[in-house]
C-alpha cells in the first residue's frame, strides 16, 4: 500500500469478542487494552443490534453473509460459494454445507459439542466420508468433500429445509435447533443411516482408544444454489450495491466454510494485520476467530488471552494506521451469541481527545 493512497475501508469482524453480558463488567476490568479502548471510545458511529429470537445462526454469521451478498431470508446461504472456494462446481443443484460432528446425550436432551475441539485428521475424515457417501448414494443424495471438517451435500428438493449453523446450535438443546420444514423427516432418515454406519467405524474405535470423542453425526446448514446467488446479485445491483462494493475477505482461525470464502487465509494475527498493505483492495473484510472457542466453552481466562493477542497484533497496529491516515475508515464488529456491537472510527474521530478511552462499550 502506498503511503499516499491509504486503505479506504477496513472492516474487522471478531466473533465472540463481545463478552457475555453477565460477565462483561468483570472481564472489561481485567482486560488491559488501551488501543481497543481508543477504538471503542473515539467513534463516528456506534450501535448495538440484538439478534432476532427466530434467528438460527449467529450475529457475526449474519453480518458476514450480508456483506458478501450471501444471505437468504436473513440466513447465511454460503454453500455454493464455499464449494467454489474448495474448487468444487455446484452446477445447478441446491447444496448444503455438511459438518461432521459429535452429538452427546446430556441429562435430558441431545447436545452438540464445539466442532473445533474434534481435531479431526484428514485421513480420518476421508475414511468417514467414504462410509457416509454410501448412505447418501443409497438414498439419492450427493456428497462432496471440501476439507476434513467441511463437506457438501446436494439435495435439490430440500430448498425449504430450515437449518441452523453449527456454532448457533453448539451447547444448546438440539430439540430447538434441528432442521425443520417439509423435508425434515427425510433429513432425519439420512442422518440416522450415517449414524448407524459410523457407530462401529474403525476410525471412531481408534479415536475412543485415544480418548477422543467419536464423530457420530452430520450437521447440514447454509443451503444455497448458483441460481440463488445470481438472484442476490441482481437484488444488490438494483440496490446500487454492485460487485465493486463487495469486500475482499481475509481470514484467520475460522471454520472451514469461512476460509473457503476468503481471498487469503492469514497464518497468524500479525499476517492478518499486515494484509491492510494490499494495494489492490479498497475494502478489506478481516475476520479472526480466536475468541470463539474459549467463549463457547465459557473459558474466560482463555478469552482474555485471545483478546490480549488481538490488542497486540490487531488493535494497536490498526490504531497506528488510523493515526497516520493510512486507513480512512475502520468498522469494528464485536459479537456474542445474542447480538453485536458495530462501530466506526476514522482518523478524524481519533482526534477527539476529550473522549476518555474506556472499555465500557464492552459491557
Protein backbone atom coordinates (compact mmCIF):
# COMPACT_ATOMS: atom_id res chain seq x y z
CA UNK A 1 0.00 0.00 0.00
CA UNK A 2 1.29 3.42 -0.89
CA UNK A 3 1.61 5.92 1.93
CA UNK A 4 -0.09 8.47 -0.27
CA UNK A 5 -3.07 6.36 -1.20
CA UNK A 6 -4.12 4.70 2.04
CA UNK A 7 -6.64 1.92 2.52
CA UNK A 8 -10.16 3.25 2.02
CA UNK A 9 -12.02 0.96 4.39
CA UNK A 10 -11.21 -1.87 6.79
CA UNK A 11 -13.91 -3.98 8.44
CA UNK A 12 -12.68 -6.12 11.33
CA UNK A 13 -15.12 -8.80 12.50
CA UNK A 14 -14.27 -10.62 15.73
CA UNK A 15 -16.78 -13.35 16.62
CA UNK A 16 -17.40 -13.70 20.37
CA UNK A 17 -15.12 -10.74 21.16
CA UNK A 18 -18.09 -9.15 22.92
CA UNK A 19 -18.26 -10.84 26.34
CA UNK A 20 -21.43 -12.43 27.66
CA UNK A 21 -23.38 -9.63 29.44
CA UNK A 22 -23.33 -11.32 32.85
CA UNK A 23 -19.52 -11.46 32.83
CA UNK A 24 -18.79 -8.30 30.85
CA UNK A 25 -18.06 -5.82 33.70
CA UNK A 26 -15.50 -8.10 35.36
CA UNK A 27 -13.87 -9.06 32.05
CA UNK A 28 -13.63 -5.44 30.91
CA UNK A 29 -11.86 -4.56 34.17
CA UNK A 30 -9.42 -7.46 33.72
CA UNK A 31 -8.59 -6.57 30.11
CA UNK A 32 -5.55 -4.35 29.51
CA UNK A 33 -6.31 -3.00 26.04
CA UNK A 34 -5.68 0.74 25.58
CA UNK A 35 -5.78 0.53 21.78
CA UNK A 36 -9.15 -1.21 21.85
CA UNK A 37 -10.36 1.42 24.34
CA UNK A 38 -9.43 4.17 21.88
CA UNK A 39 -11.19 2.38 19.02
CA UNK A 40 -14.32 1.84 21.12
CA UNK A 41 -14.49 5.35 22.55
CA UNK A 42 -13.48 7.69 19.72
CA UNK A 43 -16.03 6.80 17.10
CA UNK A 44 -18.02 8.45 14.35
CA UNK A 45 -20.88 5.94 14.69
CA UNK A 46 -21.75 3.16 17.12
CA UNK A 47 -24.78 0.96 17.60
CA UNK A 48 -25.84 -2.39 19.01
CA UNK A 49 -28.00 -4.87 17.14
CA UNK A 50 -29.77 -7.65 19.03
CA UNK A 51 -30.17 -10.97 17.28
CA UNK A 52 -33.72 -11.84 16.27
CA UNK A 53 -35.20 -14.51 18.57
CA UNK A 54 -36.12 -16.52 15.46
CA UNK A 55 -32.58 -16.48 14.01
CA UNK A 56 -30.87 -19.83 13.55
CA UNK A 57 -27.36 -18.52 13.04
CA UNK A 58 -25.10 -16.16 14.99
CA UNK A 59 -24.80 -12.38 14.66
CA UNK A 60 -21.36 -12.40 13.03
CA UNK A 61 -22.52 -15.05 10.54
CA UNK A 62 -25.43 -12.80 9.52
CA UNK A 63 -23.13 -9.79 9.24
CA UNK A 64 -20.52 -11.55 7.08
CA UNK A 65 -23.10 -13.20 4.81
CA UNK A 66 -24.79 -9.85 4.28
CA UNK A 67 -21.51 -8.10 3.50
CA UNK A 68 -20.67 -10.77 0.91
CA UNK A 69 -24.16 -10.86 -0.61
CA UNK A 70 -24.66 -14.48 0.51
CA UNK A 71 -27.79 -14.25 2.62
CA UNK A 72 -31.25 -15.71 2.08
CA UNK A 73 -34.20 -14.68 4.22
CA UNK A 74 -31.71 -13.22 6.70
CA UNK A 75 -29.84 -16.53 6.97
CA UNK A 76 -26.36 -17.33 5.60
CA UNK A 77 -26.63 -19.03 2.20
CA UNK A 78 -22.99 -19.90 1.76
CA UNK A 79 -22.80 -23.48 0.46
CA UNK A 80 -22.41 -22.82 -3.28
CA UNK A 81 -19.80 -20.08 -2.81
CA UNK A 82 -17.87 -22.17 -0.26
CA UNK A 83 -17.83 -25.09 -2.71
CA UNK A 84 -16.14 -22.94 -5.32
CA UNK A 85 -13.59 -21.95 -2.71
CA UNK A 86 -12.66 -25.63 -2.50
CA UNK A 87 -12.53 -25.95 -6.29
CA UNK A 88 -15.90 -27.75 -6.49
CA UNK A 89 -18.64 -26.97 -9.01
CA UNK A 90 -22.17 -26.61 -7.55
CA UNK A 91 -23.60 -26.94 -11.07
CA UNK A 92 -27.37 -26.35 -10.96
CA UNK A 93 -28.02 -28.09 -7.66
CA UNK A 94 -29.15 -26.93 -4.23
CA UNK A 95 -26.35 -27.62 -1.76
CA UNK A 96 -25.78 -27.55 1.99
CA UNK A 97 -22.60 -27.28 3.99
CA UNK A 98 -22.28 -30.53 5.96
CA UNK A 99 -20.10 -30.64 9.06
CA UNK A 100 -19.20 -33.96 10.71
CA UNK A 101 -19.64 -33.61 14.46
CA UNK A 102 -20.28 -35.20 17.83
CA UNK A 103 -23.73 -35.28 19.42
CA UNK A 104 -23.99 -36.46 23.02
CA UNK A 105 -26.85 -37.23 25.36
CA UNK A 106 -26.99 -34.69 28.18
CA UNK A 107 -29.16 -35.19 31.27
CA UNK A 108 -32.45 -34.54 29.49
CA UNK A 109 -31.59 -33.72 25.89
CA UNK A 110 -29.19 -34.05 22.98
CA UNK A 111 -26.34 -31.58 22.73
CA UNK A 112 -23.66 -30.95 20.09
CA UNK A 113 -20.07 -30.18 21.08
CA UNK A 114 -17.86 -27.50 19.58
CA UNK A 115 -16.62 -28.93 16.28
CA UNK A 116 -13.31 -27.10 16.66
CA UNK A 117 -12.45 -29.46 19.50
CA UNK A 118 -12.81 -32.66 17.47
CA UNK A 119 -9.30 -32.39 15.99
CA UNK A 120 -10.43 -34.49 13.02
CA UNK A 121 -7.47 -35.70 10.99
CA UNK A 122 -7.52 -35.67 7.19
CA UNK A 123 -7.17 -39.46 6.98
CA UNK A 124 -10.00 -39.94 9.49
CA UNK A 125 -12.25 -37.53 7.66
CA UNK A 126 -11.61 -39.23 4.33
CA UNK A 127 -12.50 -42.64 5.78
CA UNK A 128 -15.67 -41.37 7.46
CA UNK A 129 -16.62 -39.51 4.28
CA UNK A 130 -16.34 -42.72 2.25
CA UNK A 131 -18.60 -44.52 4.72
CA UNK A 132 -21.19 -41.73 4.72
CA UNK A 133 -21.12 -41.45 0.94
CA UNK A 134 -22.61 -44.94 0.64
CA UNK A 135 -25.62 -43.89 2.73
CA UNK A 136 -26.04 -40.69 0.72
CA UNK A 137 -25.97 -42.52 -2.62
CA UNK A 138 -28.39 -45.20 -1.44
CA UNK A 139 -30.92 -42.52 -0.50
CA UNK A 140 -30.39 -40.48 -3.67
CA UNK A 141 -28.21 -37.62 -2.41
CA UNK A 142 -24.77 -36.44 -3.48
CA UNK A 143 -21.91 -35.80 -1.06
CA UNK A 144 -18.78 -33.80 -1.94
CA UNK A 145 -15.57 -33.38 0.07
CA UNK A 146 -14.15 -29.93 0.76
CA UNK A 147 -11.86 -30.40 3.76
CA UNK A 148 -11.70 -32.55 6.88
CA UNK A 149 -14.42 -30.57 8.67
CA UNK A 150 -16.35 -29.16 5.70
CA UNK A 151 -18.33 -31.32 3.29
CA UNK A 152 -21.25 -30.54 0.99
CA UNK A 153 -24.47 -32.36 0.15
CA UNK A 154 -26.75 -31.89 -2.82
CA UNK A 155 -30.45 -32.20 -2.07
CA UNK A 156 -32.40 -30.31 -4.72
CA UNK A 157 -35.76 -30.98 -3.07
CA UNK A 158 -34.64 -29.57 0.28
CA UNK A 159 -34.57 -25.86 -0.55
CA UNK A 160 -37.28 -25.19 2.07
CA UNK A 161 -35.41 -27.01 4.83
CA UNK A 162 -34.67 -24.51 7.60
CA UNK A 163 -31.36 -25.20 9.26
CA UNK A 164 -29.13 -23.72 11.96
CA UNK A 165 -25.43 -23.01 11.83
CA UNK A 166 -23.33 -25.41 13.95
CA UNK A 167 -21.96 -22.62 16.14
CA UNK A 168 -25.51 -21.45 16.90
CA UNK A 169 -26.52 -24.98 17.93
CA UNK A 170 -23.37 -25.87 19.87
CA UNK A 171 -24.02 -26.42 23.57
CA UNK A 172 -27.77 -25.92 23.17
CA UNK A 173 -30.73 -28.26 23.48
CA UNK A 174 -30.81 -29.71 19.96
CA UNK A 175 -34.56 -30.17 20.11
CA UNK A 176 -34.80 -26.45 19.36
CA UNK A 177 -32.15 -26.43 16.63
CA UNK A 178 -32.73 -29.48 14.46
CA UNK A 179 -33.65 -28.82 10.80
CA UNK A 180 -37.33 -28.09 10.25
CA UNK A 181 -39.59 -27.97 7.23
CA UNK A 182 -41.33 -30.30 4.80
CA UNK A 183 -38.20 -32.43 4.23
CA UNK A 184 -37.05 -32.61 7.87
CA UNK A 185 -38.11 -36.25 8.10
CA UNK A 186 -36.02 -37.10 5.04
CA UNK A 187 -33.02 -35.47 6.70
CA UNK A 188 -33.53 -37.41 9.92
CA UNK A 189 -33.62 -40.65 7.93
CA UNK A 190 -30.35 -39.76 6.20
CA UNK A 191 -28.78 -38.68 9.50
CA UNK A 192 -29.80 -41.95 11.12
CA UNK A 193 -28.30 -44.01 8.29
CA UNK A 194 -24.98 -42.19 8.63
CA UNK A 195 -25.00 -42.56 12.42
CA UNK A 196 -25.59 -46.32 12.17
CA UNK A 197 -22.73 -46.67 9.68
CA UNK A 198 -20.34 -44.68 11.85
CA UNK A 199 -21.27 -46.35 15.14
CA UNK A 200 -18.79 -49.20 14.71
CA UNK A 201 -16.48 -47.48 12.23
CA UNK A 202 -12.76 -48.24 12.81
CA UNK A 203 -11.99 -44.50 12.83
CA UNK A 204 -14.24 -43.97 15.83
CA UNK A 205 -12.91 -47.05 17.60
CA UNK A 206 -9.38 -45.65 17.22
CA UNK A 207 -10.47 -42.20 18.38
CA UNK A 208 -12.08 -43.56 21.51
CA UNK A 209 -8.95 -45.57 22.30
CA UNK A 210 -7.01 -42.29 22.17
CA UNK A 211 -9.52 -40.65 24.49
CA UNK A 212 -11.11 -38.56 21.72
CA UNK A 213 -14.81 -38.11 21.06
CA UNK A 214 -16.28 -40.19 18.25
CA UNK A 215 -17.61 -38.46 15.15
CA UNK A 216 -21.19 -39.67 15.22
CA UNK A 217 -23.41 -37.31 13.24
CA UNK A 218 -23.69 -34.79 10.41
CA UNK A 219 -24.97 -31.23 10.55
CA UNK A 220 -26.31 -29.53 7.38
CA UNK A 221 -26.77 -25.77 7.02
CA UNK A 222 -26.09 -22.76 4.76
CA UNK A 223 -28.26 -24.03 1.88
CA UNK A 224 -27.69 -22.25 -1.42
CA UNK A 225 -27.52 -22.64 -5.17
CA UNK A 226 -25.90 -20.83 -8.03
CA UNK A 227 -29.34 -19.53 -9.08
CA UNK A 228 -29.89 -18.10 -5.59
CA UNK A 229 -26.54 -16.33 -5.73
CA UNK A 230 -27.41 -14.83 -9.11
CA UNK A 231 -30.72 -13.58 -7.72
CA UNK A 232 -28.86 -11.96 -4.82
CA UNK A 233 -26.51 -10.25 -7.26
CA UNK A 234 -29.44 -8.82 -9.20
CA UNK A 235 -31.02 -7.51 -6.00
CA UNK A 236 -27.69 -6.00 -4.95
CA UNK A 237 -27.27 -4.35 -8.32
CA UNK A 238 -30.78 -2.89 -8.15
CA UNK A 239 -29.92 -1.51 -4.72
CA UNK A 240 -26.70 0.00 -6.11
CA UNK A 241 -24.56 -2.47 -4.21
CA UNK A 242 -22.79 -3.94 -7.19
CA UNK A 243 -19.83 -6.33 -7.18
CA UNK A 244 -17.38 -3.44 -6.71
CA UNK A 245 -18.81 -2.85 -3.24
CA UNK A 246 -18.16 -6.42 -2.08
CA UNK A 247 -15.18 -6.50 0.29
CA UNK A 248 -12.08 -8.65 -0.10
CA UNK A 249 -12.20 -11.27 2.67
CA UNK A 250 -9.10 -12.27 4.65
CA UNK A 251 -9.46 -14.84 7.45
CA UNK A 252 -7.56 -16.33 10.38
CA UNK A 253 -8.59 -19.15 12.76
CA UNK A 254 -12.10 -19.50 11.35
CA UNK A 255 -14.23 -22.53 10.36
CA UNK A 256 -13.59 -24.18 7.01
CA UNK A 257 -16.64 -22.73 5.25
CA UNK A 258 -15.47 -19.19 6.02
CA UNK A 259 -11.90 -19.90 4.96
CA UNK A 260 -13.33 -21.18 1.67
CA UNK A 261 -14.96 -17.80 1.01
CA UNK A 262 -11.75 -15.86 1.62
CA UNK A 263 -9.27 -14.43 -0.84
CA UNK A 264 -6.43 -15.11 1.59
CA UNK A 265 -6.02 -17.21 4.73
CA UNK A 266 -3.64 -15.45 7.11
CA UNK A 267 -1.33 -17.78 9.04
CA UNK A 268 -1.25 -15.51 12.11
CA UNK A 269 -2.84 -12.40 13.59
CA UNK A 270 0.23 -10.42 12.56
CA UNK A 271 -0.23 -11.62 8.97
CA UNK A 272 -3.91 -10.67 9.16
CA UNK A 273 -2.99 -7.13 10.25
CA UNK A 274 -0.35 -6.92 7.52
CA UNK A 275 -2.99 -7.57 4.85
CA UNK A 276 -4.01 -3.90 5.08
CA UNK A 277 -0.98 -3.28 2.85
CA UNK A 278 -2.82 -4.87 -0.10
CA UNK A 279 -2.65 -2.18 -2.82
CA UNK A 280 -5.49 -3.73 -4.84
CA UNK A 281 -8.28 -3.69 -2.25
CA UNK A 282 -10.39 -0.65 -1.40
CA UNK A 283 -12.39 -2.52 1.25
CA UNK A 284 -10.89 -5.35 3.26
CA UNK A 285 -13.01 -7.56 5.50
CA UNK A 286 -10.79 -9.16 8.15
CA UNK A 287 -12.19 -11.97 10.31
CA UNK A 288 -10.33 -13.57 13.23
CA UNK A 289 -11.98 -16.38 15.19
CA UNK A 290 -9.53 -16.78 18.08
CA UNK A 291 -12.04 -15.79 20.77
CA UNK A 292 -14.77 -18.20 19.64
CA UNK A 293 -13.67 -21.47 21.25
CA UNK A 294 -12.97 -20.06 24.74
CA UNK A 295 -16.19 -18.03 24.71
CA UNK A 296 -18.30 -21.02 23.63
CA UNK A 297 -16.69 -23.08 26.42
CA UNK A 298 -17.10 -20.21 28.94
CA UNK A 299 -13.31 -20.30 29.40
CA UNK A 300 -12.96 -16.64 30.29
CA UNK A 301 -9.25 -16.84 31.07
CA UNK A 302 -8.73 -18.19 27.56
CA UNK A 303 -10.99 -15.43 26.23
CA UNK A 304 -8.86 -12.79 27.96
CA UNK A 305 -5.71 -14.28 26.40
CA UNK A 306 -7.34 -14.16 22.97
CA UNK A 307 -8.34 -10.52 23.49
CA UNK A 308 -4.82 -9.59 24.65
CA UNK A 309 -3.48 -11.16 21.45
CA UNK A 310 -5.96 -9.05 19.47
CA UNK A 311 -4.74 -5.96 21.33
CA UNK A 312 -1.11 -6.55 20.44
CA UNK A 313 -1.49 -7.86 16.89
CA UNK A 314 -4.64 -6.11 15.61
CA UNK A 315 -5.96 -3.23 17.69
CA UNK A 316 -2.65 -1.43 18.29
CA UNK A 317 -1.39 -1.72 14.66
CA UNK A 318 -4.75 -0.65 13.20
CA UNK A 319 -4.97 2.29 15.60
CA UNK A 320 -1.48 3.35 14.49
CA UNK A 321 -2.51 3.08 10.84
CA UNK A 322 -5.54 5.27 11.56
CA UNK A 323 -3.33 7.83 13.28
CA UNK A 324 -1.12 8.04 10.21
CA UNK A 325 -4.12 8.33 7.90
CA UNK A 326 -3.30 5.10 6.12
CA UNK A 327 -6.77 3.76 6.95
CA UNK A 328 -9.59 6.13 6.06
CA UNK A 329 -12.36 4.24 7.86
CA UNK A 330 -12.36 1.31 10.27
CA UNK A 331 -15.52 -0.65 11.05
CA UNK A 332 -15.21 -2.85 14.13
CA UNK A 333 -17.78 -5.63 14.67
CA UNK A 334 -17.70 -7.46 18.02
CA UNK A 335 -20.32 -10.11 18.73
CA UNK A 336 -21.66 -12.59 21.26
CA UNK A 337 -24.50 -15.10 20.92
CA UNK A 338 -27.30 -12.59 21.23
CA UNK A 339 -26.15 -9.57 19.25
CA UNK A 340 -23.27 -7.48 18.01
CA UNK A 341 -21.66 -4.10 18.55
CA UNK A 342 -20.94 -2.29 15.30
CA UNK A 343 -18.90 0.88 15.41
CA UNK A 344 -16.96 3.04 13.02
CA UNK A 345 -13.93 5.22 13.56
CA UNK A 346 -11.82 7.45 11.35
CA UNK A 347 -8.60 9.45 11.67
CA UNK A 348 -10.74 12.49 12.50
CA UNK A 349 -12.69 10.62 15.18
CA UNK A 350 -9.43 9.51 16.80
CA UNK A 351 -8.57 13.19 17.31
CA UNK A 352 -11.47 13.60 19.75
CA UNK A 353 -9.03 13.85 22.66
CA UNK A 354 -11.80 14.91 25.04
CA UNK A 355 -13.30 11.41 24.85
CA UNK A 356 -11.60 9.33 27.51
CA UNK A 357 -10.59 5.89 26.16
CA UNK A 358 -12.59 3.25 28.00
CA UNK A 359 -13.77 -0.32 27.57
CA UNK A 360 -17.26 0.48 28.83
CA UNK A 361 -18.71 -0.31 25.39
CA UNK A 362 -17.94 -3.98 26.06
CA UNK A 363 -20.41 -4.05 28.96
